[in-house]
Amino acid sequence: MPSQREADEAKIRQQIDKIVEGLRGKDLEGLKQLYTTDVVSFDVEPPLQHVGVDAKLKNWANVFAVFETVAYEIRELTLTVGEDVAFGHAFGRLSGTLKDGRATNGMWVRVTYCFEKIGGTWLIAHDQVSVPLDVRSGKGMVDLQP
């Protein structure tokens, strides 16, 4: 029988799988169920922070407005799980077919998740998405692979 920590880690991994499913299905309502109402997101799009689930969903709606079909992939997810908080990091890649019919392989980004266990459910309370920066040019390095 798995320990409580192992069971919680499995539940968190299921939540991450639901993010992937929600993005592929362009399901804003499904995605909404995965975040705390006051989630703080440091996403790759401005501004510096997006506060609240509505702001987070607006970012995803912007993605859905550009993509006809969405693919999302997570690699190397590592989790550290406590009693009622957990954090993890992974590489993520958004790709698919744009509204104009062009296919894009997207870019790999670094993702950090912070979870809070609320009413027995693990929800994302904070996430951060970033790309490495070439300091000399001031440009993001969007062609790196995990």
Protein backbone atom coordinates (compact mmCIF):
# COMPACT_ATOMS: atom_id res chain seq x y z
CA MET A 1 0.00 0.00 0.00
CA PRO A 2 1.42 3.42 -0.97
CA SER A 3 2.32 5.96 1.69
CA GLN A 4 0.30 9.17 1.99
CA ARG A 5 3.13 11.07 0.30
CA GLU A 6 3.20 8.64 -2.62
CA ALA A 7 -0.60 8.87 -2.92
CA ASP A 8 -0.42 12.68 -2.88
CA GLU A 9 2.33 12.69 -5.50
CA ALA A 10 0.20 10.47 -7.73
CA LYS A 11 -2.74 12.89 -7.32
CA ILE A 12 -0.54 15.86 -8.23
CA ARG A 13 0.72 14.05 -11.31
CA GLN A 14 -2.93 13.47 -12.26
CA GLN A 15 -3.53 17.22 -11.92
CA ILE A 16 -0.61 17.89 -14.28
CA ASP A 17 -2.10 15.36 -16.72
CA LYS A 18 -5.37 17.32 -16.51
CA ILE A 19 -3.50 20.48 -17.51
CA VAL A 20 -2.20 18.68 -20.60
CA GLU A 21 -5.71 17.35 -21.38
CA GLY A 22 -7.31 20.76 -20.78
CA LEU A 23 -4.89 22.49 -23.13
CA ARG A 24 -5.25 19.88 -25.85
CA GLY A 25 -9.03 20.12 -25.54
CA LYS A 26 -9.00 23.94 -25.23
CA ASP A 27 -11.14 23.43 -22.11
CA LEU A 28 -11.06 26.62 -20.03
CA GLU A 29 -13.64 25.31 -17.55
CA GLY A 30 -11.60 22.17 -16.97
CA LEU A 31 -8.43 24.20 -16.51
CA LYS A 32 -10.18 26.51 -14.06
CA GLN A 33 -10.69 23.56 -11.69
CA LEU A 34 -6.91 23.09 -11.37
CA TYR A 35 -6.01 26.49 -9.90
CA THR A 36 -6.72 28.26 -6.62
CA THR A 37 -8.96 31.30 -7.05
CA ASP A 38 -6.06 33.56 -6.06
CA VAL A 39 -3.35 31.85 -8.11
CA VAL A 40 -0.33 34.00 -8.93
CA SER A 41 1.22 33.21 -12.29
CA PHE A 42 4.55 34.46 -13.61
CA ASP A 43 3.98 33.58 -17.25
CA VAL A 44 6.07 34.34 -20.33
CA GLU A 45 3.53 36.95 -21.50
CA PRO A 46 3.39 40.40 -19.89
CA PRO A 47 2.68 41.74 -17.36
CA LEU A 48 5.17 40.52 -14.74
CA GLN A 49 2.44 38.71 -12.84
CA HIS A 50 -1.09 37.51 -13.43
CA VAL A 51 -3.16 37.38 -10.25
CA GLY A 52 -6.29 35.28 -9.89
CA VAL A 53 -7.73 32.39 -11.82
CA ASP A 54 -9.48 34.68 -14.31
CA ALA A 55 -6.15 36.27 -15.26
CA LYS A 56 -4.58 32.82 -15.68
CA LEU A 57 -7.48 31.65 -17.84
CA LYS A 58 -7.20 34.80 -19.96
CA ASN A 59 -3.63 33.73 -20.82
CA TRP A 60 -4.88 30.32 -21.91
CA ALA A 61 -7.75 31.93 -23.88
CA ASN A 62 -5.12 34.02 -25.71
CA VAL A 63 -3.32 30.80 -26.66
CA PHE A 64 -6.55 29.22 -27.88
CA ALA A 65 -7.26 32.31 -30.02
CA VAL A 66 -3.97 31.77 -31.88
CA PHE A 67 -3.99 27.96 -32.15
CA GLU A 68 -6.43 25.84 -34.15
CA THR A 69 -5.10 22.70 -32.47
CA VAL A 70 -3.02 22.63 -29.31
CA ALA A 71 -0.45 20.07 -28.26
CA TYR A 72 1.23 20.27 -24.87
CA GLU A 73 4.00 18.12 -23.50
CA ILE A 74 5.63 17.89 -20.08
CA ARG A 75 9.04 16.31 -19.54
CA GLU A 76 11.13 15.54 -16.48
CA LEU A 77 8.50 16.46 -13.89
CA THR A 78 10.04 16.35 -10.42
CA LEU A 79 7.89 16.83 -7.32
CA THR A 80 8.51 17.47 -3.64
CA VAL A 81 5.38 16.79 -1.60
CA GLY A 82 4.59 17.92 1.93
CA GLU A 83 1.45 17.50 3.98
CA ASP A 84 -0.53 20.36 2.42
CA VAL A 85 1.92 22.09 0.06
CA ALA A 86 4.06 20.75 -2.77
CA PHE A 87 6.27 22.10 -5.50
CA GLY A 88 7.61 20.74 -8.73
CA HIS A 89 9.51 21.66 -11.84
CA ALA A 90 9.49 20.41 -15.40
CA PHE A 91 10.01 21.35 -19.00
CA GLY A 92 6.91 22.16 -21.02
CA ARG A 93 6.29 22.68 -24.71
CA LEU A 94 3.23 24.19 -26.35
CA SER A 95 2.94 23.38 -30.05
CA GLY A 96 0.25 22.66 -32.62
CA THR A 97 -1.40 24.19 -35.65
CA LEU A 98 -1.98 27.92 -35.80
CA LYS A 99 -5.27 29.44 -36.99
CA ASP A 100 -3.62 30.27 -40.33
CA GLY A 101 -2.84 26.56 -40.87
CA ARG A 102 0.89 26.71 -40.12
CA ALA A 103 2.27 24.01 -37.84
CA THR A 104 4.64 25.05 -35.06
CA ASN A 105 6.89 22.94 -32.88
CA GLY A 106 6.77 25.67 -30.25
CA MET A 107 9.56 26.07 -27.75
CA TRP A 108 10.60 24.37 -24.55
CA VAL A 109 10.09 26.42 -21.41
CA ARG A 110 10.95 25.88 -17.76
CA VAL A 111 7.89 25.45 -15.54
CA THR A 112 7.67 25.62 -11.75
CA TYR A 113 4.46 24.62 -9.96
CA CYS A 114 3.47 25.31 -6.36
CA PHE A 115 0.49 23.32 -5.10
CA GLU A 116 -1.76 23.73 -2.10
CA LYS A 117 -3.99 20.95 -0.79
CA ILE A 118 -7.44 22.47 -0.28
CA GLY A 119 -10.34 20.28 0.78
CA GLY A 120 -8.35 17.19 -0.16
CA THR A 121 -7.61 18.46 -3.70
CA TRP A 122 -4.19 19.60 -4.89
CA LEU A 123 -4.53 22.97 -6.68
CA ILE A 124 -1.93 25.19 -8.32
CA ALA A 125 -1.41 28.27 -6.14
CA HIS A 126 1.56 29.58 -8.14
CA ASP A 127 3.28 28.80 -11.40
CA GLN A 128 6.19 30.29 -13.23
CA VAL A 129 7.15 29.81 -16.85
CA SER A 130 10.44 31.08 -18.23
CA VAL A 131 13.00 30.79 -21.00
CA PRO A 132 16.74 31.22 -20.53
CA LEU A 133 18.05 34.66 -21.42
CA ASP A 134 21.13 35.43 -23.48
CA VAL A 135 22.40 38.32 -21.37
CA ARG A 136 24.57 39.83 -24.12
CA SER A 137 21.78 40.11 -26.70
CA GLY A 138 18.89 40.49 -24.26
CA LYS A 139 16.96 37.83 -26.17
CA GLY A 140 15.27 34.68 -24.95
CA MET A 141 16.90 31.43 -26.02
CA VAL A 142 13.89 29.61 -27.44
CA ASP A 143 15.69 26.86 -29.36
CA LEU A 144 17.04 24.84 -26.42
CA GLN A 145 15.97 21.22 -25.90
CA PRO A 146 15.66 19.28 -22.63
